[in-house]
Structure formats: C-alpha cells, structure tokens
Amino acid sequence: MNIKDLLVGILFTVLYASGAVVMKFGIHSAPPLTLSTIRFIIAGLLLLLYLYGFQKGKYRMPNRKEFKVLFWLGLLNTSIFLGFGLVALRTVSSGIFNLFIPINPFLFALLALVFMGQSIRLREWGGMVVSFIGLIVATYPSLAGSHSSIGGILLIIFAMIAMAVGSLIYKKVDLQLPTIVVNTWQVMIGGVILLIPTLILDSGEPITIDFHFIGYLLWSVFALSVFNVNLWFYLLKKDALKANNWLLLNPVAGYILAAIFLGEPITLYAVIGTVVVLLGLYISGSFRTKPSTNVTANIKET
C-alpha cells in the first residue's frame, strides 16, 4: 500500500467514526431523529443533483423493480440503522456505538447461513464467540456505571441487525446499478421514510438553531455523506477487500475521537474489549487480503 492510499484509508476511518461523535453535539440542539431526517434529505438531494444534474446522462434512473429493492435498502440501511441507531446515542456512549459496527459481518454471516445456505467455517464461529466476549467486556462497565442504558444497547443491536438484513438483500438481489446510485437513493428514500416517525416521536421537542445544530448538519452532510462517501468509492476502486478492513478499524478511531472531543474516558475495559473484538475479527478472517465470497461492497455511512 502506498502512502496516498494509507492516508486516504486513515482519513476515511476517522471521518467514518466521527459520525457518532458529531451526533453527540447535535442532540444538544435537536432530537436525533429530526437531525437524521434533515441530514439524509439534504444529502440525498445534493447527491441526486450531482447524479442527474452535473453528471446528466451518465447514470440512468432505477426501474420499478429496482426501486422496490432500493426502498428496502433505504428503510433498513438508512432509516433503521442510521436513524434509530443514532437515537441510541442519547443513552449510549459514542465509543460503544462505534465498537458495535464491525460486528455486522458476523450478523450477515448468520443471516446468509439461514436464508442463503452459506456455510460458516469453524474459525468464523470462533471469531464470533471471541468478539462477543469483547463486547461484553467493553459494555459491562458502561452499563454498571449508568453511562449507557440497556435500552440503548438493544436499540444498537436492532440497528445492526437491520444493516445486516440490508446487506443480505443487496447481495441476494445483485442490483445492476453503480454503488453511488444505490447509496444516493437509499439515503434519499431513508430520509423520506423517517419523516413520519420524526413528526410523531419528535413532535413538541425543542429545536435550537445554533452552532451545534448547524455544525452537525454541515459536517454530517458534506464531510460524511458527500466527501467521505467519495473516499469510500476510491478505496473500493483500489481494493474492495482492503477497503472493508478500514471499516473494521472503526472502534479504535471512535474511542480516540470520543476521548478528545467528548471527554469520554478510555477505560482499561474499553481497551481490552476493543482488542478482543478485533482479535475475534482477525480469527474469523474478517481482515482479508484474499478474495472471499462473503464480502459485499454495499456502502454504509455513519
């Protein structure tokens, strides 16, 4: 790997992990569902303008059958995973949130076993057990010290399951659309879907247009949904397998950013838990350097 690709990978990882951190600032000014809905709709509109305005004629519109699949991807990957997953940040630390993200390959493997008949190797089962132990080690002190709630952890788990189901659908259907088109429509559709629960659940909650609110929107829309997605496409184009490895390093960057900007403590439990989770991922073969049929290139933003 050359220096440029290394720097791009590190920048992508840091920006990806910053999503949970910046939401912590945003919820000082507005409810998380409101923030997420506004973000996704603005990002979706900008991406649609880019695809069908500035890149007019390069990308086709999805057909009716493809829109049905994109609806489910928008619901699962954007509305539930990102929308309701970020709601959990009200009662869960951003470090714990970021620690759960690399577990998605395990959930995907289990769903692929049940619905697609794909086998799970012994080393993958072993990796799952080790990573699960790491999650317990990392999350228990937060729960015991009331820094995270059981409800928030369950909400994150529900969000992770939704993302794994979305990945399964993406792989099984095999959309004949460029990744950027899939991501654009799933973000836009997901934002529109979130309008209804946002109006119901966030009704009456105060919204303050201040530095936190504007800063969250600018960072999440432009730094994450636009700029960082382009970094992801660059990494995918260079090597899709190595690109997946940068996602797996998310917990390390997440804990460091949370400590710097939020003052969240990096406890010995957090360090040990993260190391054990990464060890489980390594044992399972998630840090791949050789082709594997279990890897998907479906984009997921935070």
Protein backbone atom coordinates (compact mmCIF):
# COMPACT_ATOMS: atom_id res chain seq x y z
CA MET A 1 0.00 0.00 0.00
CA ASN A 2 1.44 3.38 -0.99
CA ILE A 3 1.44 6.48 1.24
CA LYS A 4 -1.52 8.08 -0.57
CA ASP A 5 -3.78 5.06 -0.09
CA LEU A 6 -2.69 4.76 3.54
CA LEU A 7 -3.55 8.41 4.24
CA VAL A 8 -6.89 8.10 2.43
CA GLY A 9 -7.72 4.98 4.45
CA ILE A 10 -6.85 6.67 7.76
CA LEU A 11 -8.85 9.78 6.82
CA PHE A 12 -11.85 7.65 5.83
CA THR A 13 -11.70 5.72 9.12
CA VAL A 14 -11.50 8.89 11.21
CA LEU A 15 -14.37 10.57 9.33
CA TYR A 16 -16.49 7.42 9.47
CA ALA A 17 -16.05 7.18 13.24
CA SER A 18 -16.80 10.88 13.67
CA GLY A 19 -20.46 10.34 12.75
CA ALA A 20 -21.41 9.14 16.24
CA VAL A 21 -19.28 11.84 17.88
CA VAL A 22 -20.79 14.72 15.92
CA MET A 23 -24.30 13.44 16.69
CA LYS A 24 -23.48 13.85 20.38
CA PHE A 25 -23.00 17.57 19.70
CA GLY A 26 -26.10 17.79 17.53
CA ILE A 27 -28.50 16.37 20.11
CA HIS A 28 -27.81 19.39 22.32
CA SER A 29 -29.90 21.39 19.84
CA ALA A 30 -32.46 18.96 18.38
CA PRO A 31 -33.76 15.37 18.76
CA PRO A 32 -31.68 12.73 16.93
CA LEU A 33 -34.49 11.68 14.57
CA THR A 34 -35.01 15.28 13.49
CA LEU A 35 -31.28 15.74 12.90
CA SER A 36 -31.04 12.47 10.97
CA THR A 37 -34.05 13.19 8.77
CA ILE A 38 -32.85 16.67 7.81
CA ARG A 39 -29.36 15.33 7.14
CA PHE A 40 -30.48 12.46 4.91
CA ILE A 41 -32.89 14.55 2.86
CA ILE A 42 -30.33 17.32 2.27
CA ALA A 43 -27.59 14.78 1.43
CA GLY A 44 -29.97 12.83 -0.82
CA LEU A 45 -31.00 15.95 -2.74
CA LEU A 46 -27.37 17.01 -3.22
CA LEU A 47 -26.39 13.54 -4.44
CA LEU A 48 -29.39 13.42 -6.81
CA LEU A 49 -28.37 16.83 -8.19
CA TYR A 50 -24.86 15.51 -8.75
CA LEU A 51 -26.01 12.29 -10.46
CA TYR A 52 -28.74 13.66 -12.69
CA GLY A 53 -27.66 17.28 -12.96
CA PHE A 54 -23.89 17.61 -13.11
CA GLN A 55 -23.45 14.03 -14.40
CA LYS A 56 -26.50 14.17 -16.68
CA GLY A 57 -26.72 11.16 -18.97
CA LYS A 58 -24.02 9.16 -17.16
CA TYR A 59 -26.33 7.41 -14.69
CA ARG A 60 -29.77 6.00 -15.51
CA MET A 61 -32.82 6.13 -13.27
CA PRO A 62 -33.64 2.85 -11.50
CA ASN A 63 -36.61 0.94 -12.90
CA ARG A 64 -39.71 -0.03 -10.92
CA LYS A 65 -38.28 -3.37 -9.78
CA GLU A 66 -35.04 -1.73 -8.67
CA PHE A 67 -36.94 0.96 -6.78
CA LYS A 68 -38.66 -1.74 -4.72
CA VAL A 69 -35.25 -3.06 -3.63
CA LEU A 70 -33.97 0.47 -3.01
CA PHE A 71 -36.99 1.10 -0.77
CA TRP A 72 -35.98 -1.81 1.47
CA LEU A 73 -32.33 -0.70 1.46
CA GLY A 74 -33.39 2.82 2.40
CA LEU A 75 -35.62 1.51 5.19
CA LEU A 76 -33.02 -0.90 6.62
CA ASN A 77 -29.67 0.80 5.97
CA THR A 78 -30.72 4.43 6.44
CA SER A 79 -34.00 4.75 8.39
CA ILE A 80 -33.45 1.96 10.91
CA PHE A 81 -29.68 1.51 11.08
CA LEU A 82 -28.63 5.14 10.86
CA GLY A 83 -31.82 6.86 12.02
CA PHE A 84 -32.78 4.77 15.02
CA GLY A 85 -29.21 3.64 15.64
CA LEU A 86 -28.21 7.25 16.23
CA VAL A 87 -31.18 7.67 18.57
CA ALA A 88 -29.35 5.24 20.86
CA LEU A 89 -26.61 7.85 21.30
CA ARG A 90 -28.88 9.64 23.74
CA THR A 91 -28.17 6.89 26.26
CA VAL A 92 -25.04 5.17 24.88
CA SER A 93 -21.51 6.49 24.55
CA SER A 94 -20.21 7.12 21.04
CA GLY A 95 -17.29 4.76 21.75
CA ILE A 96 -19.63 1.85 22.45
CA PHE A 97 -21.68 2.70 19.35
CA ASN A 98 -18.59 2.59 17.13
CA LEU A 99 -17.47 -0.67 18.74
CA PHE A 100 -20.62 -2.45 17.58
CA ILE A 101 -20.26 -1.53 13.89
CA PRO A 102 -17.57 -4.12 12.93
CA ILE A 103 -19.85 -6.92 14.21
CA ASN A 104 -22.00 -6.53 11.09
CA PRO A 105 -20.03 -9.19 9.13
CA PHE A 106 -20.93 -11.76 11.81
CA LEU A 107 -24.64 -10.91 11.69
CA PHE A 108 -24.50 -11.04 7.90
CA ALA A 109 -22.83 -14.47 8.03
CA LEU A 110 -25.56 -15.82 10.33
CA LEU A 111 -28.34 -14.48 8.09
CA ALA A 112 -26.57 -15.86 4.99
CA LEU A 113 -26.44 -19.25 6.73
CA VAL A 114 -30.19 -19.21 7.43
CA PHE A 115 -31.52 -17.67 4.22
CA MET A 116 -28.88 -18.45 1.59
CA GLY A 117 -27.45 -21.72 2.87
CA GLN A 118 -23.90 -20.37 3.03
CA SER A 119 -21.70 -22.32 5.42
CA ILE A 120 -19.82 -20.77 8.33
CA ARG A 121 -16.34 -22.11 8.93
CA LEU A 122 -15.14 -23.17 12.38
CA ARG A 123 -12.75 -20.21 12.56
CA GLU A 124 -15.66 -17.85 11.86
CA TRP A 125 -17.68 -19.37 14.72
CA GLY A 126 -14.63 -18.97 16.94
CA GLY A 127 -14.21 -15.35 15.89
CA MET A 128 -17.86 -14.63 16.69
CA VAL A 129 -17.51 -16.04 20.20
CA VAL A 130 -14.31 -14.08 20.88
CA SER A 131 -15.76 -10.80 19.58
CA PHE A 132 -18.96 -11.32 21.59
CA ILE A 133 -16.84 -11.70 24.74
CA GLY A 134 -15.04 -8.48 23.80
CA LEU A 135 -18.35 -6.62 23.50
CA ILE A 136 -19.40 -7.83 26.96
CA VAL A 137 -16.08 -6.70 28.46
CA ALA A 138 -16.35 -3.26 26.83
CA THR A 139 -20.04 -2.59 27.54
CA TYR A 140 -20.47 -4.01 31.06
CA PRO A 141 -18.70 -1.14 32.92
CA SER A 142 -20.78 1.42 30.99
CA LEU A 143 -23.99 -0.34 31.94
CA ALA A 144 -22.91 -0.84 35.54
CA GLY A 145 -21.92 2.82 35.84
CA SER A 146 -25.13 4.02 34.15
CA HIS A 147 -23.13 5.62 31.31
CA SER A 148 -25.12 3.51 28.84
CA SER A 149 -28.62 2.08 29.09
CA ILE A 150 -29.79 -1.44 28.29
CA GLY A 151 -32.45 0.10 26.04
CA GLY A 152 -29.79 1.99 24.11
CA ILE A 153 -27.66 -1.14 23.65
CA LEU A 154 -30.71 -3.11 22.46
CA LEU A 155 -31.51 -0.31 20.01
CA ILE A 156 -27.98 -0.52 18.59
CA ILE A 157 -28.29 -4.31 18.26
CA PHE A 158 -31.62 -3.86 16.44
CA ALA A 159 -29.97 -1.31 14.14
CA MET A 160 -27.06 -3.69 13.42
CA ILE A 161 -29.50 -6.49 12.54
CA ALA A 162 -31.28 -4.13 10.14
CA MET A 163 -27.99 -3.28 8.45
CA ALA A 164 -27.11 -6.98 8.12
CA VAL A 165 -30.51 -7.71 6.55
CA GLY A 166 -29.94 -4.81 4.15
CA SER A 167 -26.56 -6.27 3.17
CA LEU A 168 -28.19 -9.66 2.62
CA ILE A 169 -30.83 -8.17 0.33
CA TYR A 170 -28.18 -6.21 -1.55
CA LYS A 171 -26.13 -9.33 -2.18
CA LYS A 172 -29.04 -11.63 -2.96
CA VAL A 173 -30.74 -9.29 -5.43
CA ASP A 174 -27.50 -8.15 -7.12
CA LEU A 175 -28.69 -4.76 -8.37
CA GLN A 176 -27.25 -3.79 -11.74
CA LEU A 177 -26.66 -0.23 -10.59
CA PRO A 178 -23.46 1.64 -9.72
CA THR A 179 -22.75 1.79 -5.99
CA ILE A 180 -23.09 5.59 -5.94
CA VAL A 181 -26.60 5.33 -7.41
CA VAL A 182 -27.62 2.74 -4.81
CA ASN A 183 -26.24 4.86 -1.99
CA THR A 184 -27.89 8.04 -3.27
CA TRP A 185 -31.35 6.53 -3.49
CA GLN A 186 -31.14 4.60 -0.22
CA VAL A 187 -30.16 7.81 1.59
CA MET A 188 -32.94 9.82 -0.05
CA ILE A 189 -35.61 7.16 0.43
CA GLY A 190 -34.49 6.53 4.01
CA GLY A 191 -34.77 10.22 4.83
CA VAL A 192 -38.29 10.41 3.41
CA ILE A 193 -39.35 7.30 5.36
CA LEU A 194 -38.06 8.89 8.58
CA LEU A 195 -40.35 11.90 8.11
CA ILE A 196 -43.37 10.10 9.61
CA PRO A 197 -41.75 8.72 12.80
CA THR A 198 -39.91 12.03 13.23
CA LEU A 199 -43.16 14.04 13.12
CA ILE A 200 -44.77 11.61 15.59
CA LEU A 201 -41.94 10.95 18.04
CA ASP A 202 -40.20 14.34 17.99
CA SER A 203 -43.36 16.43 17.99
CA GLY A 204 -43.15 19.14 20.63
CA GLU A 205 -39.43 18.70 21.30
CA PRO A 206 -37.47 21.97 21.07
CA ILE A 207 -35.13 22.74 18.18
CA THR A 208 -32.42 25.36 18.63
CA ILE A 209 -30.70 26.73 15.53
CA ASP A 210 -27.24 27.28 16.97
CA PHE A 211 -23.61 26.30 16.45
CA HIS A 212 -24.24 22.66 17.42
CA PHE A 213 -27.20 22.32 15.04
CA ILE A 214 -25.55 24.00 12.04
CA GLY A 215 -22.19 22.36 12.74
CA TYR A 216 -23.78 18.90 12.86
CA LEU A 217 -25.59 19.39 9.54
CA LEU A 218 -22.56 20.82 7.74
CA TRP A 219 -20.27 18.06 8.98
CA SER A 220 -22.68 15.15 8.50
CA VAL A 221 -23.86 16.24 5.05
CA PHE A 222 -20.65 17.45 3.44
CA ALA A 223 -17.86 15.72 5.39
CA LEU A 224 -19.66 12.37 5.80
CA SER A 225 -22.44 11.91 3.23
CA VAL A 226 -20.62 13.60 0.34
CA PHE A 227 -16.83 13.77 0.88
CA ASN A 228 -16.32 10.56 2.88
CA VAL A 229 -18.54 8.54 0.53
CA ASN A 230 -16.22 9.59 -2.31
CA LEU A 231 -13.25 8.40 -0.25
CA TRP A 232 -15.05 5.06 0.18
CA PHE A 233 -15.58 4.77 -3.57
CA TYR A 234 -11.88 5.49 -4.10
CA LEU A 235 -10.90 2.73 -1.64
CA LEU A 236 -13.38 0.31 -3.21
CA LYS A 237 -11.98 1.00 -6.66
CA LYS A 238 -8.40 0.43 -5.48
CA ASP A 239 -9.16 -2.76 -3.50
CA ALA A 240 -12.64 -3.64 -2.18
CA LEU A 241 -11.24 -6.21 0.26
CA LYS A 242 -8.79 -3.83 1.91
CA ALA A 243 -11.49 -1.15 1.98
CA ASN A 244 -13.52 -3.43 4.24
CA ASN A 245 -10.59 -3.63 6.65
CA TRP A 246 -10.70 0.15 7.21
CA LEU A 247 -14.30 -0.21 8.41
CA LEU A 248 -13.17 -2.81 10.93
CA LEU A 249 -10.76 -0.31 12.49
CA ASN A 250 -13.70 1.97 13.31
CA PRO A 251 -13.69 1.28 17.11
CA VAL A 252 -10.10 2.48 17.57
CA ALA A 253 -10.77 5.80 15.84
CA GLY A 254 -14.13 6.08 17.60
CA TYR A 255 -12.67 5.81 21.10
CA ILE A 256 -9.88 8.28 20.33
CA LEU A 257 -12.27 10.88 18.86
CA ALA A 258 -14.73 10.44 21.76
CA ALA A 259 -11.93 10.99 24.28
CA ILE A 260 -10.65 14.11 22.51
CA PHE A 261 -13.93 15.87 21.69
CA LEU A 262 -16.40 14.48 24.23
CA GLY A 263 -14.16 13.70 27.16
CA GLU A 264 -15.36 10.08 27.22
CA PRO A 265 -12.86 8.05 29.26
CA ILE A 266 -10.86 5.33 27.55
CA THR A 267 -11.06 2.73 30.31
CA LEU A 268 -8.99 -0.41 30.60
CA TYR A 269 -12.20 -2.36 29.91
CA ALA A 270 -12.70 -0.42 26.68
CA VAL A 271 -9.14 -1.10 25.54
CA ILE A 272 -9.30 -4.81 26.42
CA GLY A 273 -12.77 -5.16 24.89
CA THR A 274 -11.71 -3.48 21.65
CA VAL A 275 -8.58 -5.62 21.37
CA VAL A 276 -10.65 -8.78 21.96
CA VAL A 277 -13.25 -7.71 19.36
CA LEU A 278 -10.53 -7.05 16.78
CA LEU A 279 -8.89 -10.37 17.71
CA GLY A 280 -12.19 -12.12 17.03
CA LEU A 281 -12.46 -10.37 13.67
CA TYR A 282 -8.93 -11.45 12.83
CA ILE A 283 -9.59 -15.05 13.85
CA SER A 284 -12.73 -15.15 11.71
CA GLY A 285 -10.82 -13.90 8.68
CA SER A 286 -12.64 -10.55 8.51
CA PHE A 287 -9.30 -8.79 7.92
CA ARG A 288 -8.94 -10.25 4.45
CA THR A 289 -6.21 -9.92 1.90
CA LYS A 290 -7.54 -12.65 -0.39
CA PRO A 291 -10.85 -12.78 -2.30
CA SER A 292 -13.86 -14.10 -0.42
CA THR A 293 -17.46 -14.67 -1.48
CA ASN A 294 -18.69 -13.23 1.83
CA VAL A 295 -17.52 -9.67 1.18
CA THR A 296 -20.05 -7.11 -0.02
CA ALA A 297 -19.33 -3.65 -1.34
CA ASN A 298 -22.58 -2.11 -0.10
CA ILE A 299 -21.79 1.35 1.20
CA LYS A 300 -22.73 2.25 4.76
CA GLU A 301 -22.26 5.72 6.13
CA THR A 302 -22.36 6.77 9.72
